[in-house]
Amino acid sequence: MALCRISVDSARPCAKRQGGRNFRRAKDYSVGFKPTAIASADFNADGRPDLVITNQNDNSVSVLLQNPDRTFTAKVDPTTAKIPQ
């Protein structure tokens, strides 16, 4: 289980459950400017949930694919139409 928070320049898992009652240390992930929404799904069909974040002020989405070790890749920011939702 991962809890995520979006801030101006990062999507951050605040805490990630490590089994039992322990949580892994949080890690910051950079996303675009003025993130407005986040979604999680298996976008690349590898069996792991990935993240996509809409970025209002730079008309892009940030895609972060999950690695086997449950960290995420560096963002990829394809451009979109104005103000992605």
PDB file of N, CA and C in Angstrom:
ATOM      1  N   MET A   1       0.846  -1.164   0.000  1.00  0.00           N
ATOM      2  CA  MET A   1       0.000   0.000   0.000  1.00  0.00           C
ATOM      3  C   MET A   1       0.894   1.231   0.000  1.00  0.00           C
ATOM      4  N   ALA A   2       0.600   2.185  -0.870  1.00  0.00           N
ATOM      5  CA  ALA A   2       1.362   3.430  -0.904  1.00  0.00           C
ATOM      6  C   ALA A   2       0.403   4.600  -0.834  1.00  0.00           C
ATOM      7  N   LEU A   3       0.741   5.579  -0.040  1.00  0.00           N
ATOM      8  CA  LEU A   3      -0.033   6.812   0.037  1.00  0.00           C
ATOM      9  C   LEU A   3       0.738   7.873  -0.711  1.00  0.00           C
ATOM     10  N   CYS A   4       0.070   8.607  -1.604  1.00  0.00           N
ATOM     11  CA  CYS A   4       0.768   9.591  -2.418  1.00  0.00           C
ATOM     12  C   CYS A   4       0.224  10.991  -2.189  1.00  0.00           C
ATOM     13  N   ARG A   5       1.097  11.951  -2.288  1.00  0.00           N
ATOM     14  CA  ARG A   5       0.728  13.352  -2.197  1.00  0.00           C
ATOM     15  C   ARG A   5       1.355  14.060  -3.389  1.00  0.00           C
ATOM     16  N   ILE A   6       0.606  14.962  -3.995  1.00  0.00           N
ATOM     17  CA  ILE A   6       1.138  15.735  -5.111  1.00  0.00           C
ATOM     18  C   ILE A   6       1.444  17.129  -4.619  1.00  0.00           C
ATOM     19  N   SER A   7       2.640  17.605  -4.902  1.00  0.00           N
ATOM     20  CA  SER A   7       2.976  18.992  -4.616  1.00  0.00           C
ATOM     21  C   SER A   7       3.394  19.650  -5.922  1.00  0.00           C
ATOM     22  N   VAL A   8       3.807  20.876  -5.885  1.00  0.00           N
ATOM     23  CA  VAL A   8       4.103  21.621  -7.105  1.00  0.00           C
ATOM     24  C   VAL A   8       5.126  20.919  -7.985  1.00  0.00           C
ATOM     25  N   ASP A   9       6.107  20.260  -7.412  1.00  0.00           N
ATOM     26  CA  ASP A   9       7.127  19.648  -8.252  1.00  0.00           C
ATOM     27  C   ASP A   9       7.385  18.177  -7.941  1.00  0.00           C
ATOM     28  N   SER A  10       6.493  17.519  -7.231  1.00  0.00           N
ATOM     29  CA  SER A  10       6.748  16.103  -6.966  1.00  0.00           C
ATOM     30  C   SER A  10       5.481  15.335  -6.651  1.00  0.00           C
ATOM     31  N   ALA A  11       5.517  14.055  -6.979  1.00  0.00           N
ATOM     32  CA  ALA A  11       4.511  13.105  -6.503  1.00  0.00           C
ATOM     33  C   ALA A  11       5.259  12.276  -5.469  1.00  0.00           C
ATOM     34  N   ARG A  12       4.797  12.250  -4.259  1.00  0.00           N
ATOM     35  CA  ARG A  12       5.573  11.641  -3.194  1.00  0.00           C
ATOM     36  C   ARG A  12       4.788  10.567  -2.462  1.00  0.00           C
ATOM     37  N   PRO A  13       5.291   9.312  -2.476  1.00  0.00           N
ATOM     38  CA  PRO A  13       4.690   8.329  -1.592  1.00  0.00           C
ATOM     39  C   PRO A  13       5.045   8.707  -0.165  1.00  0.00           C
ATOM     40  N   CYS A  14       4.075   9.119   0.606  1.00  0.00           N
ATOM     41  CA  CYS A  14       4.329   9.563   1.975  1.00  0.00           C
ATOM     42  C   CYS A  14       4.785   8.394   2.832  1.00  0.00           C
ATOM     43  N   ALA A  15       4.223   7.242   2.601  1.00  0.00           N
ATOM     44  CA  ALA A  15       4.614   6.055   3.345  1.00  0.00           C
ATOM     45  C   ALA A  15       4.241   4.840   2.524  1.00  0.00           C
ATOM     46  N   LYS A  16       5.090   3.827   2.514  1.00  0.00           N
ATOM     47  CA  LYS A  16       4.814   2.605   1.780  1.00  0.00           C
ATOM     48  C   LYS A  16       4.900   1.430   2.742  1.00  0.00           C
ATOM     49  N   ARG A  17       3.823   0.676   2.841  1.00  0.00           N
ATOM     50  CA  ARG A  17       3.773  -0.443   3.781  1.00  0.00           C
ATOM     51  C   ARG A  17       4.766  -1.517   3.374  1.00  0.00           C
ATOM     52  N   GLN A  18       5.511  -2.025   4.341  1.00  0.00           N
ATOM     53  CA  GLN A  18       6.561  -2.994   4.078  1.00  0.00           C
ATOM     54  C   GLN A  18       6.207  -4.340   4.704  1.00  0.00           C
ATOM     55  N   GLY A  19       4.948  -4.596   4.959  1.00  0.00           N
ATOM     56  CA  GLY A  19       4.549  -5.822   5.628  1.00  0.00           C
ATOM     57  C   GLY A  19       4.483  -5.572   7.119  1.00  0.00           C
ATOM     58  N   GLY A  20       3.577  -6.259   7.804  1.00  0.00           N
ATOM     59  CA  GLY A  20       3.430  -6.011   9.229  1.00  0.00           C
ATOM     60  C   GLY A  20       3.005  -4.589   9.483  1.00  0.00           C
ATOM     61  N   ARG A  21       3.653  -3.926  10.422  1.00  0.00           N
ATOM     62  CA  ARG A  21       3.299  -2.545  10.765  1.00  0.00           C
ATOM     63  C   ARG A  21       4.382  -1.545  10.399  1.00  0.00           C
ATOM     64  N   ASN A  22       5.377  -1.982   9.666  1.00  0.00           N
ATOM     65  CA  ASN A  22       6.479  -1.094   9.304  1.00  0.00           C
ATOM     66  C   ASN A  22       6.226  -0.422   7.966  1.00  0.00           C
ATOM     67  N   PHE A  23       6.792   0.765   7.778  1.00  0.00           N
ATOM     68  CA  PHE A  23       6.685   1.493   6.526  1.00  0.00           C
ATOM     69  C   PHE A  23       8.075   1.826   6.019  1.00  0.00           C
ATOM     70  N   ARG A  24       8.238   1.776   4.692  1.00  0.00           N
ATOM     71  CA  ARG A  24       9.501   2.180   4.088  1.00  0.00           C
ATOM     72  C   ARG A  24       9.653   3.689   4.168  1.00  0.00           C
ATOM     73  N   ARG A  25      10.856   4.136   4.056  1.00  0.00           N
ATOM     74  CA  ARG A  25      11.131   5.568   4.032  1.00  0.00           C
ATOM     75  C   ARG A  25      10.562   6.183   2.751  1.00  0.00           C
ATOM     76  N   ALA A  26      10.024   7.386   2.845  1.00  0.00           N
ATOM     77  CA  ALA A  26       9.429   8.073   1.699  1.00  0.00           C
ATOM     78  C   ALA A  26      10.487   8.455   0.678  1.00  0.00           C
ATOM     79  N   LYS A  27      10.084   8.538  -0.588  1.00  0.00           N
ATOM     80  CA  LYS A  27      10.973   8.945  -1.679  1.00  0.00           C
ATOM     81  C   LYS A  27      10.228   9.954  -2.537  1.00  0.00           C
ATOM     82  N   ASP A  28      10.904  11.029  -2.950  1.00  0.00           N
ATOM     83  CA  ASP A  28      10.307  12.060  -3.795  1.00  0.00           C
ATOM     84  C   ASP A  28      10.470  11.702  -5.266  1.00  0.00           C
ATOM     85  N   TYR A  29       9.441  12.022  -6.063  1.00  0.00           N
ATOM     86  CA  TYR A  29       9.482  11.830  -7.508  1.00  0.00           C
ATOM     87  C   TYR A  29       9.074  13.141  -8.169  1.00  0.00           C
ATOM     88  N   SER A  30       9.874  13.606  -9.095  1.00  0.00           N
ATOM     89  CA  SER A  30       9.605  14.852  -9.787  1.00  0.00           C
ATOM     90  C   SER A  30       8.517  14.657 -10.840  1.00  0.00           C
ATOM     91  N   VAL A  31       7.607  15.642 -10.927  1.00  0.00           N
ATOM     92  CA  VAL A  31       6.590  15.677 -11.981  1.00  0.00           C
ATOM     93  C   VAL A  31       6.576  17.085 -12.559  1.00  0.00           C
ATOM     94  N   GLY A  32       5.645  17.368 -13.459  1.00  0.00           N
ATOM     95  CA  GLY A  32       5.592  18.672 -14.107  1.00  0.00           C
ATOM     96  C   GLY A  32       5.082  19.775 -13.195  1.00  0.00           C
ATOM     97  N   PHE A  33       4.866  20.952 -13.798  1.00  0.00           N
ATOM     98  CA  PHE A  33       4.473  22.135 -13.049  1.00  0.00           C
ATOM     99  C   PHE A  33       2.962  22.192 -12.852  1.00  0.00           C
ATOM    100  N   LYS A  34       2.546  22.460 -11.636  1.00  0.00           N
ATOM    101  CA  LYS A  34       1.155  22.553 -11.196  1.00  0.00           C
ATOM    102  C   LYS A  34       0.369  21.268 -11.478  1.00  0.00           C
ATOM    103  N   PRO A  35       0.742  20.166 -10.818  1.00  0.00           N
ATOM    104  CA  PRO A  35      -0.010  18.916 -10.982  1.00  0.00           C
ATOM    105  C   PRO A  35      -1.432  19.081 -10.464  1.00  0.00           C
ATOM    106  N   THR A  36      -2.386  18.492 -11.186  1.00  0.00           N
ATOM    107  CA  THR A  36      -3.789  18.666 -10.823  1.00  0.00           C
ATOM    108  C   THR A  36      -4.517  17.361 -10.533  1.00  0.00           C
ATOM    109  N   ALA A  37      -4.033  16.235 -11.022  1.00  0.00           N
ATOM    110  CA  ALA A  37      -4.712  14.953 -10.790  1.00  0.00           C
ATOM    111  C   ALA A  37      -3.700  13.824 -10.908  1.00  0.00           C
ATOM    112  N   ILE A  38      -4.027  12.699 -10.277  1.00  0.00           N
ATOM    113  CA  ILE A  38      -3.165  11.520 -10.331  1.00  0.00           C
ATOM    114  C   ILE A  38      -4.039  10.295 -10.564  1.00  0.00           C
ATOM    115  N   ALA A  39      -3.508   9.349 -11.335  1.00  0.00           N
ATOM    116  CA  ALA A  39      -4.205   8.079 -11.564  1.00  0.00           C
ATOM    117  C   ALA A  39      -3.178   6.962 -11.514  1.00  0.00           C
ATOM    118  N   SER A  40      -3.627   5.794 -11.110  1.00  0.00           N
ATOM    119  CA  SER A  40      -2.757   4.629 -11.035  1.00  0.00           C
ATOM    120  C   SER A  40      -3.396   3.483 -11.809  1.00  0.00           C
ATOM    121  N   ALA A  41      -2.599   2.856 -12.669  1.00  0.00           N
ATOM    122  CA  ALA A  41      -3.035   1.691 -13.440  1.00  0.00           C
ATOM    123  C   ALA A  41      -1.777   1.036 -14.006  1.00  0.00           C
ATOM    124  N   ASP A  42      -1.932  -0.139 -14.558  1.00  0.00           N
ATOM    125  CA  ASP A  42      -0.812  -0.834 -15.183  1.00  0.00           C
ATOM    126  C   ASP A  42      -0.737  -0.398 -16.645  1.00  0.00           C
ATOM    127  N   PHE A  43      -0.085   0.734 -16.905  1.00  0.00           N
ATOM    128  CA  PHE A  43      -0.070   1.329 -18.235  1.00  0.00           C
ATOM    129  C   PHE A  43       0.805   0.588 -19.236  1.00  0.00           C
ATOM    130  N   ASN A  44       1.788  -0.180 -18.785  1.00  0.00           N
ATOM    131  CA  ASN A  44       2.680  -0.887 -19.710  1.00  0.00           C
ATOM    132  C   ASN A  44       2.534  -2.409 -19.638  1.00  0.00           C
ATOM    133  N   ALA A  45       1.472  -2.898 -19.023  1.00  0.00           N
ATOM    134  CA  ALA A  45       1.129  -4.331 -18.982  1.00  0.00           C
ATOM    135  C   ALA A  45       2.230  -5.219 -18.394  1.00  0.00           C
ATOM    136  N   ASP A  46       2.926  -4.718 -17.363  1.00  0.00           N
ATOM    137  CA  ASP A  46       3.954  -5.532 -16.716  1.00  0.00           C
ATOM    138  C   ASP A  46       3.484  -6.112 -15.384  1.00  0.00           C
ATOM    139  N   GLY A  47       2.219  -5.882 -15.034  1.00  0.00           N
ATOM    140  CA  GLY A  47       1.671  -6.421 -13.788  1.00  0.00           C
ATOM    141  C   GLY A  47       1.896  -5.533 -12.578  1.00  0.00           C
ATOM    142  N   ARG A  48       2.505  -4.351 -12.763  1.00  0.00           N
ATOM    143  CA  ARG A  48       2.755  -3.433 -11.643  1.00  0.00           C
ATOM    144  C   ARG A  48       1.997  -2.129 -11.869  1.00  0.00           C
ATOM    145  N   PRO A  49       1.404  -1.546 -10.807  1.00  0.00           N
ATOM    146  CA  PRO A  49       0.696  -0.268 -10.982  1.00  0.00           C
ATOM    147  C   PRO A  49       1.677   0.882 -11.218  1.00  0.00           C
ATOM    148  N   ASP A  50       1.370   1.675 -12.225  1.00  0.00           N
ATOM    149  CA  ASP A  50       2.155   2.843 -12.590  1.00  0.00           C
ATOM    150  C   ASP A  50       1.365   4.097 -12.223  1.00  0.00           C
ATOM    151  N   LEU A  51       1.986   5.269 -12.363  1.00  0.00           N
ATOM    152  CA  LEU A  51       1.321   6.530 -12.042  1.00  0.00           C
ATOM    153  C   LEU A  51       1.328   7.453 -13.250  1.00  0.00           C
ATOM    154  N   VAL A  52       0.253   8.216 -13.395  1.00  0.00           N
ATOM    155  CA  VAL A  52       0.205   9.296 -14.375  1.00  0.00           C
ATOM    156  C   VAL A  52      -0.370  10.515 -13.661  1.00  0.00           C
ATOM    157  N   ILE A  53       0.272  11.664 -13.865  1.00  0.00           N
ATOM    158  CA  ILE A  53      -0.113  12.902 -13.191  1.00  0.00           C
ATOM    159  C   ILE A  53      -0.332  13.972 -14.259  1.00  0.00           C
ATOM    160  N   THR A  54      -1.462  14.679 -14.207  1.00  0.00           N
ATOM    161  CA  THR A  54      -1.691  15.783 -15.145  1.00  0.00           C
ATOM    162  C   THR A  54      -1.034  17.048 -14.607  1.00  0.00           C
ATOM    163  N   ASN A  55      -0.409  17.801 -15.502  1.00  0.00           N
ATOM    164  CA  ASN A  55       0.324  19.020 -15.144  1.00  0.00           C
ATOM    165  C   ASN A  55      -0.295  20.200 -15.882  1.00  0.00           C
ATOM    166  N   GLN A  56      -1.014  21.023 -15.184  1.00  0.00           N
ATOM    167  CA  GLN A  56      -1.798  22.088 -15.807  1.00  0.00           C
ATOM    168  C   GLN A  56      -0.952  23.162 -16.475  1.00  0.00           C
ATOM    169  N   ASN A  57       0.059  23.672 -15.804  1.00  0.00           N
ATOM    170  CA  ASN A  57       0.765  24.844 -16.330  1.00  0.00           C
ATOM    171  C   ASN A  57       1.765  24.562 -17.439  1.00  0.00           C
ATOM    172  N   ASP A  58       2.152  23.310 -17.650  1.00  0.00           N
ATOM    173  CA  ASP A  58       3.030  23.042 -18.787  1.00  0.00           C
ATOM    174  C   ASP A  58       2.370  22.125 -19.813  1.00  0.00           C
ATOM    175  N   ASN A  59       1.043  21.953 -19.707  1.00  0.00           N
ATOM    176  CA  ASN A  59       0.268  21.179 -20.686  1.00  0.00           C
ATOM    177  C   ASN A  59       0.904  19.824 -20.994  1.00  0.00           C
ATOM    178  N   SER A  60       1.123  19.056 -19.938  1.00  0.00           N
ATOM    179  CA  SER A  60       1.722  17.733 -20.096  1.00  0.00           C
ATOM    180  C   SER A  60       1.146  16.787 -19.054  1.00  0.00           C
ATOM    181  N   VAL A  61       1.505  15.535 -19.193  1.00  0.00           N
ATOM    182  CA  VAL A  61       1.248  14.544 -18.149  1.00  0.00           C
ATOM    183  C   VAL A  61       2.590  13.928 -17.789  1.00  0.00           C
ATOM    184  N   SER A  62       2.780  13.578 -16.539  1.00  0.00           N
ATOM    185  CA  SER A  62       4.001  12.892 -16.109  1.00  0.00           C
ATOM    186  C   SER A  62       3.662  11.424 -15.913  1.00  0.00           C
ATOM    187  N   VAL A  63       4.420  10.558 -16.568  1.00  0.00           N
ATOM    188  CA  VAL A  63       4.215   9.122 -16.467  1.00  0.00           C
ATOM    189  C   VAL A  63       5.391   8.546 -15.696  1.00  0.00           C
ATOM    190  N   LEU A  64       5.087   7.834 -14.609  1.00  0.00           N
ATOM    191  CA  LEU A  64       6.107   7.168 -13.804  1.00  0.00           C
ATOM    192  C   LEU A  64       5.774   5.681 -13.775  1.00  0.00           C
ATOM    193  N   LEU A  65       6.642   4.872 -14.363  1.00  0.00           N
ATOM    194  CA  LEU A  65       6.423   3.427 -14.405  1.00  0.00           C
ATOM    195  C   LEU A  65       7.070   2.781 -13.183  1.00  0.00           C
ATOM    196  N   GLN A  66       6.382   1.795 -12.611  1.00  0.00           N
ATOM    197  CA  GLN A  66       6.911   1.147 -11.412  1.00  0.00           C
ATOM    198  C   GLN A  66       7.953   0.095 -11.781  1.00  0.00           C
ATOM    199  N   ASN A  67       9.070   0.108 -11.070  1.00  0.00           N
ATOM    200  CA  ASN A  67      10.139  -0.876 -11.226  1.00  0.00           C
ATOM    201  C   ASN A  67       9.823  -2.118 -10.392  1.00  0.00           C
ATOM    202  N   PRO A  68      10.516  -3.235 -10.649  1.00  0.00           N
ATOM    203  CA  PRO A  68      10.301  -4.444  -9.845  1.00  0.00           C
ATOM    204  C   PRO A  68      10.551  -4.230  -8.350  1.00  0.00           C
ATOM    205  N   ASP A  69      11.429  -3.284  -7.974  1.00  0.00           N
ATOM    206  CA  ASP A  69      11.720  -3.041  -6.556  1.00  0.00           C
ATOM    207  C   ASP A  69      10.731  -2.060  -5.917  1.00  0.00           C
ATOM    208  N   ARG A  70       9.636  -1.750  -6.613  1.00  0.00           N
ATOM    209  CA  ARG A  70       8.553  -0.873  -6.155  1.00  0.00           C
ATOM    210  C   ARG A  70       8.931   0.606  -6.105  1.00  0.00           C
ATOM    211  N   THR A  71      10.036   0.982  -6.708  1.00  0.00           N
ATOM    212  CA  THR A  71      10.344   2.387  -6.921  1.00  0.00           C
ATOM    213  C   THR A  71       9.768   2.752  -8.292  1.00  0.00           C
ATOM    214  N   PHE A  72       9.901   4.006  -8.700  1.00  0.00           N
ATOM    215  CA  PHE A  72       9.391   4.422  -9.995  1.00  0.00           C
ATOM    216  C   PHE A  72      10.513   4.954 -10.867  1.00  0.00           C
ATOM    217  N   THR A  73      10.338   4.847 -12.177  1.00  0.00           N
ATOM    218  CA  THR A  73      11.301   5.379 -13.133  1.00  0.00           C
ATOM    219  C   THR A  73      11.242   6.907 -13.103  1.00  0.00           C
ATOM    220  N   ALA A  74      12.226   7.534 -13.711  1.00  0.00           N
ATOM    221  CA  ALA A  74      12.170   8.987 -13.885  1.00  0.00           C
ATOM    222  C   ALA A  74      10.976   9.311 -14.774  1.00  0.00           C
ATOM    223  N   LYS A  75      10.396  10.473 -14.575  1.00  0.00           N
ATOM    224  CA  LYS A  75       9.196  10.850 -15.316  1.00  0.00           C
ATOM    225  C   LYS A  75       9.461  11.007 -16.809  1.00  0.00           C
ATOM    226  N   VAL A  76       8.422  10.756 -17.574  1.00  0.00           N
ATOM    227  CA  VAL A  76       8.374  11.063 -18.984  1.00  0.00           C
ATOM    228  C   VAL A  76       7.190  11.999 -19.126  1.00  0.00           C
ATOM    229  N   ASP A  77       7.357  13.143 -19.807  1.00  0.00           N
ATOM    230  CA  ASP A  77       6.315  14.163 -19.897  1.00  0.00           C
ATOM    231  C   ASP A  77       5.840  14.414 -21.319  1.00  0.00           C
ATOM    232  N   PRO A  78       4.974  13.536 -21.861  1.00  0.00           N
ATOM    233  CA  PRO A  78       4.427  13.846 -23.187  1.00  0.00           C
ATOM    234  C   PRO A  78       3.528  15.081 -23.095  1.00  0.00           C
ATOM    235  N   THR A  79       3.567  15.927 -24.112  1.00  0.00           N
ATOM    236  CA  THR A  79       2.716  17.123 -24.093  1.00  0.00           C
ATOM    237  C   THR A  79       1.287  16.750 -24.454  1.00  0.00           C
ATOM    238  N   THR A  80       0.355  17.595 -24.037  1.00  0.00           N
ATOM    239  CA  THR A  80      -1.072  17.378 -24.252  1.00  0.00           C
ATOM    240  C   THR A  80      -1.704  18.659 -24.775  1.00  0.00           C
ATOM    241  N   ALA A  81      -2.991  18.629 -24.949  1.00  0.00           N
ATOM    242  CA  ALA A  81      -3.724  19.862 -25.259  1.00  0.00           C
ATOM    243  C   ALA A  81      -3.663  20.756 -24.043  1.00  0.00           C
ATOM    244  N   LYS A  82      -4.149  21.969 -24.144  1.00  0.00           N
ATOM    245  CA  LYS A  82      -4.117  22.906 -23.009  1.00  0.00           C
ATOM    246  C   LYS A  82      -4.888  22.355 -21.827  1.00  0.00           C
ATOM    247  N   ILE A  83      -4.340  22.561 -20.639  1.00  0.00           N
ATOM    248  CA  ILE A  83      -4.921  22.199 -19.344  1.00  0.00           C
ATOM    249  C   ILE A  83      -5.443  20.755 -19.330  1.00  0.00           C
ATOM    250  N   PRO A  84      -4.541  19.753 -19.284  1.00  0.00           N
ATOM    251  CA  PRO A  84      -4.970  18.355 -19.247  1.00  0.00           C
ATOM    252  C   PRO A  84      -5.786  18.070 -17.982  1.00  0.00           C
ATOM    253  N   GLN A  85      -6.743  17.152 -18.117  1.00  0.00           N
ATOM    254  CA  GLN A  85      -7.599  16.809 -16.970  1.00  0.00           C
ATOM    255  C   GLN A  85      -7.599  15.340 -16.709  1.00  0.00           C
TER     256      GLN A  85
END
